[in-house]
Amino acid sequence: MKFDQLIVDELNLLLQFNMDSTATGIKVHSDAAQSTQLAVKALFEKGLCTLSDGGYLTNEGIAIAERADKILRALSH
């Protein structure tokens, strides 16, 4: 198994959430790239964020976003 483009887009979107303040959400606007809109919808359907256009990360979303950040940091060295 490997990362397909939608998963990469989801990971990139998860990394846009502010992990220093989980009380800060995001909003994906209707004029955002189609790939971003699909990614946020997929995150919502997986229960990782609270709204179909963003909102806040759920507890599971926070855990996944933290792991994504660790993976990115490890591979960016």
N, C-alpha and C. Protein backbone atom coordinates (compact mmCIF):
# COMPACT_ATOMS: atom_id res chain seq x y z
N MET A 1 0.84 -1.17 0.00
CA MET A 1 0.00 0.00 0.00
C MET A 1 0.89 1.24 0.00
N LYS A 2 0.44 2.27 -0.69
CA LYS A 2 1.18 3.53 -0.70
C LYS A 2 0.19 4.69 -0.61
N PHE A 3 0.72 5.87 -0.36
CA PHE A 3 -0.12 7.06 -0.27
C PHE A 3 -0.64 7.43 -1.66
N ASP A 4 -1.96 7.53 -1.80
CA ASP A 4 -2.49 8.08 -3.05
C ASP A 4 -2.63 9.59 -2.86
N GLN A 5 -2.98 10.30 -3.91
CA GLN A 5 -2.99 11.76 -3.85
C GLN A 5 -3.99 12.30 -2.83
N LEU A 6 -5.16 11.64 -2.70
CA LEU A 6 -6.13 12.12 -1.72
C LEU A 6 -5.57 12.03 -0.31
N ILE A 7 -4.87 10.95 0.01
CA ILE A 7 -4.28 10.82 1.34
C ILE A 7 -3.22 11.89 1.56
N VAL A 8 -2.41 12.16 0.56
CA VAL A 8 -1.41 13.22 0.67
C VAL A 8 -2.10 14.56 0.91
N ASP A 9 -3.18 14.81 0.20
CA ASP A 9 -3.93 16.06 0.39
C ASP A 9 -4.53 16.12 1.80
N GLU A 10 -5.03 15.00 2.31
CA GLU A 10 -5.57 14.96 3.66
C GLU A 10 -4.47 15.25 4.69
N LEU A 11 -3.31 14.62 4.51
CA LEU A 11 -2.19 14.86 5.43
C LEU A 11 -1.77 16.32 5.41
N ASN A 12 -1.65 16.89 4.21
CA ASN A 12 -1.28 18.31 4.11
C ASN A 12 -2.31 19.20 4.78
N LEU A 13 -3.58 18.87 4.66
CA LEU A 13 -4.62 19.66 5.30
C LEU A 13 -4.56 19.50 6.82
N LEU A 14 -4.33 18.30 7.31
CA LEU A 14 -4.18 18.10 8.75
C LEU A 14 -3.06 18.95 9.31
N LEU A 15 -1.99 19.11 8.54
CA LEU A 15 -0.85 19.90 9.00
C LEU A 15 -1.15 21.39 9.04
N GLN A 16 -2.26 21.82 8.44
CA GLN A 16 -2.62 23.23 8.48
C GLN A 16 -3.34 23.62 9.77
N PHE A 17 -3.83 22.63 10.52
CA PHE A 17 -4.45 22.92 11.80
C PHE A 17 -3.37 23.35 12.77
N ASN A 18 -3.68 24.31 13.62
CA ASN A 18 -2.74 24.81 14.62
C ASN A 18 -2.70 23.85 15.80
N MET A 19 -1.63 23.08 15.91
CA MET A 19 -1.53 22.09 16.98
C MET A 19 -1.17 22.72 18.32
N ASP A 20 -0.76 23.99 18.31
CA ASP A 20 -0.47 24.69 19.56
C ASP A 20 -1.75 25.14 20.26
N SER A 21 -2.83 25.22 19.51
CA SER A 21 -4.11 25.63 20.07
C SER A 21 -5.22 24.86 19.37
N THR A 22 -5.66 23.79 19.98
CA THR A 22 -6.71 22.97 19.36
C THR A 22 -8.05 23.70 19.34
N ALA A 23 -8.13 24.86 19.98
CA ALA A 23 -9.34 25.67 19.93
C ALA A 23 -9.39 26.53 18.67
N THR A 24 -8.37 26.40 17.83
CA THR A 24 -8.33 27.12 16.56
C THR A 24 -8.64 26.14 15.43
N GLY A 25 -9.68 26.43 14.68
CA GLY A 25 -10.06 25.57 13.58
C GLY A 25 -9.67 26.16 12.24
N ILE A 26 -10.13 25.50 11.20
CA ILE A 26 -9.92 26.03 9.85
C ILE A 26 -11.25 25.99 9.09
N LYS A 27 -11.31 26.74 8.02
CA LYS A 27 -12.47 26.78 7.15
C LYS A 27 -11.97 26.67 5.72
N VAL A 28 -12.45 25.67 5.01
CA VAL A 28 -12.12 25.52 3.60
C VAL A 28 -13.26 26.15 2.81
N HIS A 29 -12.97 27.20 2.12
CA HIS A 29 -13.98 27.96 1.38
C HIS A 29 -14.33 27.26 0.07
N SER A 30 -15.47 27.61 -0.47
CA SER A 30 -15.96 26.99 -1.69
C SER A 30 -15.09 27.31 -2.91
N ASP A 31 -14.26 28.34 -2.82
CA ASP A 31 -13.38 28.67 -3.93
C ASP A 31 -11.98 28.04 -3.77
N ALA A 32 -11.82 27.20 -2.74
CA ALA A 32 -10.54 26.50 -2.55
C ALA A 32 -10.37 25.46 -3.65
N ALA A 33 -9.15 25.02 -3.82
CA ALA A 33 -8.87 23.99 -4.83
C ALA A 33 -9.75 22.77 -4.60
N GLN A 34 -10.16 22.16 -5.68
CA GLN A 34 -11.01 20.95 -5.61
C GLN A 34 -10.37 19.89 -4.73
N SER A 35 -9.06 19.73 -4.84
CA SER A 35 -8.36 18.71 -4.05
C SER A 35 -8.47 19.00 -2.55
N THR A 36 -8.43 20.26 -2.18
CA THR A 36 -8.57 20.65 -0.78
C THR A 36 -9.99 20.40 -0.29
N GLN A 37 -10.96 20.72 -1.12
CA GLN A 37 -12.35 20.47 -0.75
C GLN A 37 -12.63 18.98 -0.57
N LEU A 38 -12.07 18.16 -1.45
CA LEU A 38 -12.24 16.71 -1.32
C LEU A 38 -11.54 16.19 -0.08
N ALA A 39 -10.38 16.73 0.21
CA ALA A 39 -9.62 16.29 1.38
C ALA A 39 -10.35 16.61 2.68
N VAL A 40 -10.90 17.81 2.80
CA VAL A 40 -11.59 18.17 4.03
C VAL A 40 -12.87 17.35 4.19
N LYS A 41 -13.54 17.07 3.10
CA LYS A 41 -14.74 16.24 3.17
C LYS A 41 -14.37 14.83 3.63
N ALA A 42 -13.27 14.31 3.12
CA ALA A 42 -12.83 12.97 3.52
C ALA A 42 -12.44 12.93 4.99
N LEU A 43 -11.76 13.98 5.47
CA LEU A 43 -11.41 14.05 6.89
C LEU A 43 -12.66 14.06 7.76
N PHE A 44 -13.67 14.80 7.34
CA PHE A 44 -14.92 14.86 8.08
C PHE A 44 -15.60 13.50 8.09
N GLU A 45 -15.67 12.84 6.94
CA GLU A 45 -16.32 11.53 6.84
C GLU A 45 -15.60 10.47 7.67
N LYS A 46 -14.30 10.66 7.88
CA LYS A 46 -13.52 9.73 8.70
C LYS A 46 -13.57 10.09 10.17
N GLY A 47 -14.26 11.18 10.51
CA GLY A 47 -14.40 11.59 11.89
C GLY A 47 -13.18 12.29 12.46
N LEU A 48 -12.35 12.87 11.59
CA LEU A 48 -11.13 13.53 12.04
C LEU A 48 -11.30 15.03 12.24
N CYS A 49 -12.34 15.62 11.66
CA CYS A 49 -12.66 17.03 11.91
C CYS A 49 -14.17 17.15 12.10
N THR A 50 -14.59 18.26 12.67
CA THR A 50 -15.98 18.40 13.11
C THR A 50 -16.97 18.86 12.05
N LEU A 51 -16.50 19.48 10.98
CA LEU A 51 -17.40 19.99 9.95
C LEU A 51 -16.92 19.56 8.57
N SER A 52 -17.84 19.47 7.64
CA SER A 52 -17.48 19.03 6.28
C SER A 52 -16.61 20.05 5.56
N ASP A 53 -16.52 21.28 6.10
CA ASP A 53 -15.63 22.29 5.51
C ASP A 53 -14.51 22.68 6.46
N GLY A 54 -14.25 21.82 7.44
CA GLY A 54 -13.15 22.07 8.36
C GLY A 54 -13.56 21.99 9.81
N GLY A 55 -13.70 23.14 10.42
CA GLY A 55 -14.04 23.16 11.83
C GLY A 55 -12.82 22.88 12.69
N TYR A 56 -13.00 22.02 13.66
CA TYR A 56 -11.93 21.67 14.60
C TYR A 56 -11.58 20.20 14.44
N LEU A 57 -10.39 19.85 14.86
CA LEU A 57 -10.02 18.44 14.86
C LEU A 57 -10.71 17.74 16.01
N THR A 58 -11.12 16.51 15.77
CA THR A 58 -11.63 15.67 16.83
C THR A 58 -10.43 15.12 17.61
N ASN A 59 -10.68 14.41 18.69
CA ASN A 59 -9.57 13.82 19.44
C ASN A 59 -8.74 12.90 18.56
N GLU A 60 -9.41 12.09 17.74
CA GLU A 60 -8.67 11.22 16.82
C GLU A 60 -7.93 12.04 15.77
N GLY A 61 -8.56 13.12 15.31
CA GLY A 61 -7.92 13.99 14.34
C GLY A 61 -6.65 14.62 14.89
N ILE A 62 -6.69 15.00 16.17
CA ILE A 62 -5.50 15.56 16.81
C ILE A 62 -4.38 14.53 16.84
N ALA A 63 -4.72 13.31 17.22
CA ALA A 63 -3.71 12.25 17.29
C ALA A 63 -3.10 11.98 15.92
N ILE A 64 -3.93 11.94 14.89
CA ILE A 64 -3.43 11.68 13.54
C ILE A 64 -2.58 12.86 13.05
N ALA A 65 -3.02 14.08 13.31
CA ALA A 65 -2.27 15.26 12.90
C ALA A 65 -0.90 15.30 13.58
N GLU A 66 -0.85 14.93 14.85
CA GLU A 66 0.43 14.88 15.56
C GLU A 66 1.36 13.85 14.93
N ARG A 67 0.81 12.70 14.56
CA ARG A 67 1.63 11.68 13.90
C ARG A 67 2.12 12.16 12.53
N ALA A 68 1.22 12.82 11.80
CA ALA A 68 1.60 13.35 10.48
C ALA A 68 2.74 14.35 10.62
N ASP A 69 2.67 15.19 11.64
CA ASP A 69 3.72 16.16 11.89
C ASP A 69 5.04 15.47 12.20
N LYS A 70 5.00 14.41 13.01
CA LYS A 70 6.22 13.67 13.34
C LYS A 70 6.82 13.01 12.11
N ILE A 71 5.97 12.44 11.26
CA ILE A 71 6.44 11.82 10.02
C ILE A 71 7.10 12.85 9.13
N LEU A 72 6.44 13.99 8.95
CA LEU A 72 7.00 15.05 8.10
C LEU A 72 8.33 15.53 8.63
N ARG A 73 8.43 15.75 9.93
CA ARG A 73 9.69 16.21 10.52
C ARG A 73 10.81 15.17 10.33
N ALA A 74 10.48 13.90 10.51
CA ALA A 74 11.48 12.84 10.37
C ALA A 74 11.98 12.74 8.92
N LEU A 75 11.06 12.88 7.98
CA LEU A 75 11.45 12.74 6.57
C LEU A 75 12.05 14.00 5.98
N SER A 76 11.91 15.11 6.67
CA SER A 76 12.42 16.39 6.15
C SER A 76 13.87 16.66 6.53
N HIS A 77 14.49 15.77 7.27
CA HIS A 77 15.89 15.96 7.68
C HIS A 77 16.84 15.58 6.58
